[in-house]
Structures are given as structure tokens and as C-alpha cells.
Protein backbone atom coordinates (compact mmCIF):
# COMPACT_ATOMS: atom_id res chain seq x y z
CA UNK A 1 15.15 46.36 -9.56
CA UNK A 2 13.93 44.30 -6.63
CA UNK A 3 11.91 47.23 -5.28
CA UNK A 4 10.23 47.75 -8.64
CA UNK A 5 9.57 44.01 -8.86
CA UNK A 6 7.85 44.06 -5.46
CA UNK A 7 5.69 46.91 -6.73
CA UNK A 8 4.89 44.80 -9.82
CA UNK A 9 6.50 47.42 -12.04
CA UNK A 10 8.14 44.74 -14.16
CA UNK A 11 9.35 47.02 -16.94
CA UNK A 12 11.31 49.25 -14.58
CA UNK A 13 12.64 46.20 -12.74
CA UNK A 14 13.85 44.77 -16.06
CA UNK A 15 15.52 48.10 -16.89
CA UNK A 16 17.37 48.14 -13.57
CA UNK A 17 18.46 44.50 -13.83
CA UNK A 18 19.62 45.15 -17.40
CA UNK A 19 21.72 48.06 -16.16
CA UNK A 20 23.12 45.87 -13.38
CA UNK A 21 24.09 43.24 -15.97
CA UNK A 22 25.89 45.88 -18.02
CA UNK A 23 27.81 46.94 -14.90
CA UNK A 24 28.54 43.38 -13.76
CA UNK A 25 27.82 40.74 -16.42
CA UNK A 26 29.41 38.00 -14.31
CA UNK A 27 26.75 38.29 -11.58
CA UNK A 28 24.42 35.41 -12.35
CA UNK A 29 21.74 36.59 -9.89
CA UNK A 30 20.96 39.58 -12.12
CA UNK A 31 20.07 37.23 -14.98
CA UNK A 32 17.85 35.21 -12.63
CA UNK A 33 16.08 38.32 -11.42
CA UNK A 34 15.63 39.72 -14.92
CA UNK A 35 14.47 36.32 -16.17
CA UNK A 36 11.80 36.09 -13.50
CA UNK A 37 10.63 39.62 -14.30
CA UNK A 38 10.41 38.71 -17.99
CA UNK A 39 8.40 35.63 -16.96
CA UNK A 40 6.03 37.75 -14.89
CA UNK A 41 5.70 40.10 -17.88
CA UNK A 42 4.81 37.12 -20.09
CA UNK A 43 7.87 37.69 -22.27
CA UNK A 44 8.68 34.01 -22.32
CA UNK A 45 11.42 33.94 -24.96
CA UNK A 46 13.40 36.60 -23.09
CA UNK A 47 12.74 34.86 -19.78
CA UNK A 48 13.96 31.58 -21.22
CA UNK A 49 17.19 33.15 -22.50
CA UNK A 50 17.99 34.82 -19.18
CA UNK A 51 17.17 31.75 -17.11
CA UNK A 52 19.25 29.59 -19.44
CA UNK A 53 22.26 31.82 -18.75
CA UNK A 54 21.80 31.01 -15.08
CA UNK A 55 21.38 27.26 -15.67
CA UNK A 56 24.45 27.20 -17.92
CA UNK A 57 26.57 28.94 -15.30
CA UNK A 58 24.99 27.21 -12.30
CA UNK A 59 23.48 23.87 -13.38
CA UNK A 60 22.25 23.20 -9.83
CA UNK A 61 20.38 26.48 -9.42
CA UNK A 62 16.99 25.03 -8.47
CA UNK A 63 15.19 28.37 -8.60
CA UNK A 64 16.34 29.05 -12.16
CA UNK A 65 15.36 25.52 -13.19
CA UNK A 66 11.94 25.99 -11.58
CA UNK A 67 11.22 29.26 -13.37
CA UNK A 68 12.58 27.93 -16.66
CA UNK A 69 10.25 24.95 -16.23
CA UNK A 70 7.34 27.38 -15.82
CA UNK A 71 8.46 29.27 -18.92
CA UNK A 72 8.65 26.03 -20.89
CA UNK A 73 5.11 25.28 -19.77
CA UNK A 74 3.86 28.51 -21.34
CA UNK A 75 5.90 27.75 -24.45
CA UNK A 76 4.14 24.34 -24.73
CA UNK A 77 7.30 22.25 -24.34
CA UNK A 78 6.27 19.47 -21.94
CA UNK A 79 9.51 17.48 -22.30
CA UNK A 80 11.52 20.51 -21.22
CA UNK A 81 9.07 21.24 -18.40
CA UNK A 82 9.55 17.74 -17.05
CA UNK A 83 13.33 17.88 -17.43
CA UNK A 84 13.73 21.23 -15.66
CA UNK A 85 11.24 20.49 -12.89
CA UNK A 86 12.69 17.00 -12.31
CA UNK A 87 16.05 18.66 -11.68
CA UNK A 88 14.61 21.46 -9.51
CA UNK A 89 12.63 19.03 -7.36
CA UNK A 90 15.62 16.68 -7.17
CA UNK A 91 17.67 19.59 -5.84
CA UNK A 92 15.13 20.15 -3.08
CA UNK A 93 12.90 22.80 -4.65
CA UNK A 94 9.71 21.38 -3.18
CA UNK A 95 6.98 23.92 -3.94
CA UNK A 96 3.49 22.92 -4.93
CA UNK A 97 3.63 24.64 -8.32
CA UNK A 98 6.70 22.62 -9.30
CA UNK A 99 4.72 19.41 -8.81
CA UNK A 100 1.50 20.79 -10.28
CA UNK A 101 3.10 22.11 -13.46
CA UNK A 102 5.19 18.95 -13.88
CA UNK A 103 1.99 16.95 -13.38
CA UNK A 104 0.30 18.91 -16.17
CA UNK A 105 3.24 18.22 -18.45
CA UNK A 106 3.02 14.51 -17.65
CA UNK A 107 -0.69 14.60 -18.51
CA UNK A 108 0.17 16.29 -21.82
CA UNK A 109 2.51 13.36 -22.50
CA UNK A 110 -0.17 10.81 -21.41
CA UNK A 111 1.91 9.76 -18.39
CA UNK A 112 -1.17 9.57 -16.21
CA UNK A 113 0.34 7.73 -13.23
CA UNK A 114 3.09 10.32 -12.83
CA UNK A 115 0.57 13.08 -13.52
CA UNK A 116 -1.62 11.87 -10.67
CA UNK A 117 1.34 11.42 -8.32
CA UNK A 118 2.54 14.98 -8.99
CA UNK A 119 -0.92 16.47 -8.49
CA UNK A 120 -1.27 14.54 -5.21
CA UNK A 121 2.10 15.86 -4.01
CA UNK A 122 1.15 19.42 -4.98
CA UNK A 123 -2.07 19.11 -2.98
CA UNK A 124 -0.12 17.80 0.02
CA UNK A 125 2.06 20.90 -0.08
CA UNK A 126 -0.81 23.29 -0.82
CA UNK A 127 -4.36 21.94 -0.58
CA UNK A 128 -5.62 24.96 -2.53
CA UNK A 129 -3.24 24.69 -5.50
CA UNK A 130 -5.54 25.56 -8.43
CA UNK A 131 -3.47 23.77 -11.09
CA UNK A 132 -3.45 20.49 -9.16
CA UNK A 133 -7.10 20.75 -8.12
CA UNK A 134 -8.26 21.36 -11.69
CA UNK A 135 -5.97 18.65 -13.05
CA UNK A 136 -7.18 16.08 -10.53
CA UNK A 137 -10.79 16.93 -11.33
CA UNK A 138 -10.12 16.34 -15.03
CA UNK A 139 -8.40 13.03 -14.33
CA UNK A 140 -11.22 11.84 -12.10
CA UNK A 141 -13.83 12.78 -14.70
CA UNK A 142 -12.11 10.56 -17.29
CA UNK A 143 -11.00 7.39 -15.50
CA UNK A 144 -10.48 5.59 -18.80
CA UNK A 145 -7.51 7.89 -19.46
CA UNK A 146 -5.87 6.91 -16.21
CA UNK A 147 -6.28 3.24 -17.02
CA UNK A 148 -5.09 3.50 -20.61
CA UNK A 149 -2.33 6.01 -19.99
CA UNK A 150 1.31 5.39 -20.61
CA UNK A 151 3.76 5.61 -17.76
CA UNK A 152 7.21 7.11 -18.09
């Protein structure tokens, strides 16, 4: 499954991880791997279900929380994005996309101060992060939103 995933053959990776789950349903890592492959295949409902199995079994699995946060983003659920990415970041999962996607969710909720702070942190970690760069450009083009925005 991992080899197929590296080759971006997501369907075959999902098949292998599904077989692994049948053989050993207690192995949480297989659900994480299959969930990330579903995410990469844009099958967000299936990704969410698999990643939720991981989070239920291992509530402090920062990687599962991160990917579930990304899935929630594509499912247009900003409250869940913020919740999952807050936990992932709090557990030490400090990657630029975690901050950038959480920043976007805060913007969706009109939490402009937190939005800006997350975008700034994403840029610190990766100056070329496209989500944060685009988000910051939008914020700067509409300063009235920053001033009128709610804070969490």
C-alpha cells in the first residue's frame, strides 16, 4: 500500500490498506494510511470515516487530526477544521499547512485576528505557502474586514 501510495496509485494503495485492515482490524495505522489515500483521491467522506477511527482510538494522534482537519476544510466545516487543527498544533504538529488551513477557517468564521496570526505563522514555517500567501493578500486588500472582524 505504501509503495502504491508513493507512486500516486491511490486506488491500489486503498485496496492494499483495505486488505490489511481485514487481516488486522486492530492496527490503527492502516486506517490512517487508507484515510490519507482517500483524502488524496478526493473521497472526503471515506477519508473522514477512516481518520475518525484513528482519532477515536488514539485521540492524540496529531497526524490523523491534521489530515481530518484538511478533510473538514474540503467538506466546508470550518468549526471542525479549527477544532482538529487546534489539537494537532497543540500536540506539536507544526507544519505550515496546519496553520494556513486553520487560518482560512478562521477567516471563514470572521475571526480575522486569528486568521492573520495563523497565516503569519504558516509563512514563517514556509515562506512560499500558497494558501497563506493568497489569504494574506486578500486580507491586506480589504483592511476594513480586519478592523471589523470578530475575534475568537
